[in-house]
Amino acid sequence: MPQTPQNWVQLGRAYDAAHQPDQAVAAYDMALRLQPGADAVLLMRADVLVRSGHADQALPDLEQLDARHPDTADVLLVLGLAQRAGGDPDAGATLRRFLELDPGSAAAPGVRHLLDGG
């Protein structure tokens, strides 16, 4: 059983790569218990939740991350996708902020497609 936050994060990434989102979230939860306030882990956890159809569970953490890191492209990307999944009218503005900060991101073409009505 992993003993350090870093080990739990590695396990979470492995579960995520194996398309086991529930296990990935549980591993990230353990990392966060051992290292509260680890924003990078909180973002990874939120990303898994959004991609696995649980954006509503990720939104509170994403809103806190956005308040602490308002100009962080990765936070804006995951927040915007979570907002979009929940039908939030602010999703478009959030995703446009992401594109302004990181227009060359690998995610940018997909985000542009979403914003164009895709």
C-alpha atoms as a PDB file:
ATOM      1  CA  MET A   1       0.000   0.000   0.000  1.00  0.00           C
ATOM      2  CA  PRO A   2       1.409   3.444  -0.903  1.00  0.00           C
ATOM      3  CA  GLN A   3       2.784   5.426   2.030  1.00  0.00           C
ATOM      4  CA  THR A   4       3.448   8.885   0.599  1.00  0.00           C
ATOM      5  CA  PRO A   5       1.269  11.407  -1.219  1.00  0.00           C
ATOM      6  CA  GLN A   6       3.515  11.033  -4.260  1.00  0.00           C
ATOM      7  CA  ASN A   7       2.947   7.268  -4.307  1.00  0.00           C
ATOM      8  CA  TRP A   8      -0.812   7.784  -4.136  1.00  0.00           C
ATOM      9  CA  VAL A   9      -0.615  10.285  -7.007  1.00  0.00           C
ATOM     10  CA  GLN A  10       1.326   7.758  -9.093  1.00  0.00           C
ATOM     11  CA  LEU A  11      -1.309   5.157  -8.329  1.00  0.00           C
ATOM     12  CA  GLY A  12      -4.064   7.625  -9.250  1.00  0.00           C
ATOM     13  CA  ARG A  13      -2.387   8.338 -12.580  1.00  0.00           C
ATOM     14  CA  ALA A  14      -2.060   4.614 -13.259  1.00  0.00           C
ATOM     15  CA  TYR A  15      -5.745   4.051 -12.504  1.00  0.00           C
ATOM     16  CA  ASP A  16      -6.662   7.028 -14.690  1.00  0.00           C
ATOM     17  CA  ALA A  17      -4.561   5.680 -17.563  1.00  0.00           C
ATOM     18  CA  ALA A  18      -6.282   2.310 -17.117  1.00  0.00           C
ATOM     19  CA  HIS A  19      -9.703   4.022 -17.392  1.00  0.00           C
ATOM     20  CA  GLN A  20     -10.611   3.269 -13.773  1.00  0.00           C
ATOM     21  CA  PRO A  21     -11.871   6.679 -12.653  1.00  0.00           C
ATOM     22  CA  ASP A  22     -13.374   5.623  -9.322  1.00  0.00           C
ATOM     23  CA  GLN A  23     -10.082   4.088  -8.225  1.00  0.00           C
ATOM     24  CA  ALA A  24      -8.147   7.109  -9.512  1.00  0.00           C
ATOM     25  CA  VAL A  25     -10.322   9.497  -7.494  1.00  0.00           C
ATOM     26  CA  ALA A  26      -9.898   7.312  -4.391  1.00  0.00           C
ATOM     27  CA  ALA A  27      -6.100   7.351  -4.809  1.00  0.00           C
ATOM     28  CA  TYR A  28      -6.080  11.132  -5.237  1.00  0.00           C
ATOM     29  CA  ASP A  29      -8.288  11.428  -2.141  1.00  0.00           C
ATOM     30  CA  MET A  30      -5.677   9.504  -0.151  1.00  0.00           C
ATOM     31  CA  ALA A  31      -2.910  11.761  -1.469  1.00  0.00           C
ATOM     32  CA  LEU A  32      -4.941  14.797  -0.407  1.00  0.00           C
ATOM     33  CA  ARG A  33      -5.511  13.355   3.073  1.00  0.00           C
ATOM     34  CA  LEU A  34      -1.760  12.971   3.467  1.00  0.00           C
ATOM     35  CA  GLN A  35      -0.981  16.351   1.898  1.00  0.00           C
ATOM     36  CA  PRO A  36      -3.952  18.705   2.282  1.00  0.00           C
ATOM     37  CA  GLY A  37      -3.925  21.720   0.036  1.00  0.00           C
ATOM     38  CA  ALA A  38      -2.023  20.075  -2.809  1.00  0.00           C
ATOM     39  CA  ASP A  39      -3.638  22.040  -5.624  1.00  0.00           C
ATOM     40  CA  ALA A  40      -2.049  19.984  -8.398  1.00  0.00           C
ATOM     41  CA  VAL A  41      -3.583  16.815  -6.943  1.00  0.00           C
ATOM     42  CA  LEU A  42      -6.915  18.554  -6.470  1.00  0.00           C
ATOM     43  CA  LEU A  43      -6.857  19.504 -10.158  1.00  0.00           C
ATOM     44  CA  MET A  44      -6.010  15.943 -11.245  1.00  0.00           C
ATOM     45  CA  ARG A  45      -8.878  14.631  -9.109  1.00  0.00           C
ATOM     46  CA  ALA A  46     -11.282  17.206 -10.579  1.00  0.00           C
ATOM     47  CA  ASP A  47     -10.174  16.362 -14.109  1.00  0.00           C
ATOM     48  CA  VAL A  48     -10.957  12.678 -13.578  1.00  0.00           C
ATOM     49  CA  LEU A  49     -14.350  13.555 -12.115  1.00  0.00           C
ATOM     50  CA  VAL A  50     -15.227  15.803 -15.077  1.00  0.00           C
ATOM     51  CA  ARG A  51     -14.123  13.238 -17.651  1.00  0.00           C
ATOM     52  CA  SER A  52     -16.060  10.467 -15.895  1.00  0.00           C
ATOM     53  CA  GLY A  53     -19.349  12.377 -15.887  1.00  0.00           C
ATOM     54  CA  HIS A  54     -19.217  13.780 -12.341  1.00  0.00           C
ATOM     55  CA  ALA A  55     -18.567  17.444 -13.090  1.00  0.00           C
ATOM     56  CA  ASP A  56     -20.959  18.464 -10.339  1.00  0.00           C
ATOM     57  CA  GLN A  57     -18.672  16.840  -7.763  1.00  0.00           C
ATOM     58  CA  ALA A  58     -15.639  18.630  -9.199  1.00  0.00           C
ATOM     59  CA  LEU A  59     -17.090  22.145  -9.436  1.00  0.00           C
ATOM     60  CA  PRO A  60     -16.600  23.261  -5.800  1.00  0.00           C
ATOM     61  CA  ASP A  61     -12.907  22.341  -5.882  1.00  0.00           C
ATOM     62  CA  LEU A  62     -12.461  23.875  -9.333  1.00  0.00           C
ATOM     63  CA  GLU A  63     -14.049  27.141  -8.222  1.00  0.00           C
ATOM     64  CA  GLN A  64     -11.648  27.273  -5.262  1.00  0.00           C
ATOM     65  CA  LEU A  65      -8.700  26.518  -7.539  1.00  0.00           C
ATOM     66  CA  ASP A  66      -9.804  29.267  -9.920  1.00  0.00           C
ATOM     67  CA  ALA A  67     -10.007  31.730  -7.021  1.00  0.00           C
ATOM     68  CA  ARG A  68      -6.456  30.828  -5.938  1.00  0.00           C
ATOM     69  CA  HIS A  69      -5.015  30.517  -9.472  1.00  0.00           C
ATOM     70  CA  PRO A  70      -7.131  32.748 -11.734  1.00  0.00           C
ATOM     71  CA  ASP A  71      -4.686  32.773 -14.623  1.00  0.00           C
ATOM     72  CA  THR A  72      -3.772  29.091 -14.733  1.00  0.00           C
ATOM     73  CA  ALA A  73      -4.745  27.599 -18.077  1.00  0.00           C
ATOM     74  CA  ASP A  74      -5.176  24.029 -16.819  1.00  0.00           C
ATOM     75  CA  VAL A  75      -7.548  25.158 -14.074  1.00  0.00           C
ATOM     76  CA  LEU A  76      -9.566  27.192 -16.569  1.00  0.00           C
ATOM     77  CA  LEU A  77      -9.774  24.281 -19.001  1.00  0.00           C
ATOM     78  CA  VAL A  78     -11.118  21.789 -16.474  1.00  0.00           C
ATOM     79  CA  LEU A  79     -13.390  24.399 -14.858  1.00  0.00           C
ATOM     80  CA  GLY A  80     -14.801  25.411 -18.238  1.00  0.00           C
ATOM     81  CA  LEU A  81     -15.486  21.795 -19.183  1.00  0.00           C
ATOM     82  CA  ALA A  82     -17.160  21.182 -15.818  1.00  0.00           C
ATOM     83  CA  GLN A  83     -19.274  24.308 -16.231  1.00  0.00           C
ATOM     84  CA  ARG A  84     -20.236  23.238 -19.739  1.00  0.00           C
ATOM     85  CA  ALA A  85     -21.236  19.775 -18.523  1.00  0.00           C
ATOM     86  CA  GLY A  86     -23.505  21.404 -15.952  1.00  0.00           C
ATOM     87  CA  GLY A  87     -25.059  23.838 -18.413  1.00  0.00           C
ATOM     88  CA  ASP A  88     -23.467  26.880 -16.759  1.00  0.00           C
ATOM     89  CA  PRO A  89     -23.687  29.916 -19.064  1.00  0.00           C
ATOM     90  CA  ASP A  90     -20.222  31.036 -17.856  1.00  0.00           C
ATOM     91  CA  ALA A  91     -18.586  28.014 -19.499  1.00  0.00           C
ATOM     92  CA  GLY A  92     -17.904  29.801 -22.778  1.00  0.00           C
ATOM     93  CA  ALA A  93     -16.205  32.747 -21.083  1.00  0.00           C
ATOM     94  CA  THR A  94     -14.085  30.403 -18.967  1.00  0.00           C
ATOM     95  CA  LEU A  95     -13.002  28.386 -21.998  1.00  0.00           C
ATOM     96  CA  ARG A  96     -12.203  31.578 -23.934  1.00  0.00           C
ATOM     97  CA  ARG A  97      -9.985  32.688 -21.008  1.00  0.00           C
ATOM     98  CA  PHE A  98      -8.229  29.323 -21.285  1.00  0.00           C
ATOM     99  CA  LEU A  99      -7.609  29.905 -25.007  1.00  0.00           C
ATOM    100  CA  GLU A 100      -6.263  33.420 -24.363  1.00  0.00           C
ATOM    101  CA  LEU A 101      -3.751  32.045 -21.850  1.00  0.00           C
ATOM    102  CA  ASP A 102      -2.703  28.936 -23.762  1.00  0.00           C
ATOM    103  CA  PRO A 103      -3.681  29.158 -27.438  1.00  0.00           C
ATOM    104  CA  GLY A 104      -1.096  26.526 -28.382  1.00  0.00           C
ATOM    105  CA  SER A 105      -2.332  23.908 -25.927  1.00  0.00           C
ATOM    106  CA  ALA A 106      -2.998  20.425 -27.242  1.00  0.00           C
ATOM    107  CA  ALA A 107      -6.559  20.926 -25.954  1.00  0.00           C
ATOM    108  CA  ALA A 108      -7.061  24.224 -27.809  1.00  0.00           C
ATOM    109  CA  PRO A 109      -8.425  22.775 -31.086  1.00  0.00           C
ATOM    110  CA  GLY A 110     -11.034  20.754 -29.200  1.00  0.00           C
ATOM    111  CA  VAL A 111     -12.010  23.755 -27.107  1.00  0.00           C
ATOM    112  CA  ARG A 112     -12.358  25.911 -30.223  1.00  0.00           C
ATOM    113  CA  HIS A 113     -14.587  23.207 -31.722  1.00  0.00           C
ATOM    114  CA  LEU A 114     -16.767  23.223 -28.584  1.00  0.00           C
ATOM    115  CA  LEU A 115     -17.035  26.983 -28.654  1.00  0.00           C
ATOM    116  CA  ASP A 116     -17.979  26.892 -32.323  1.00  0.00           C
ATOM    117  CA  GLY A 117     -20.971  24.736 -31.435  1.00  0.00           C
ATOM    118  CA  GLY A 118     -19.371  21.318 -31.744  1.00  0.00           C
END
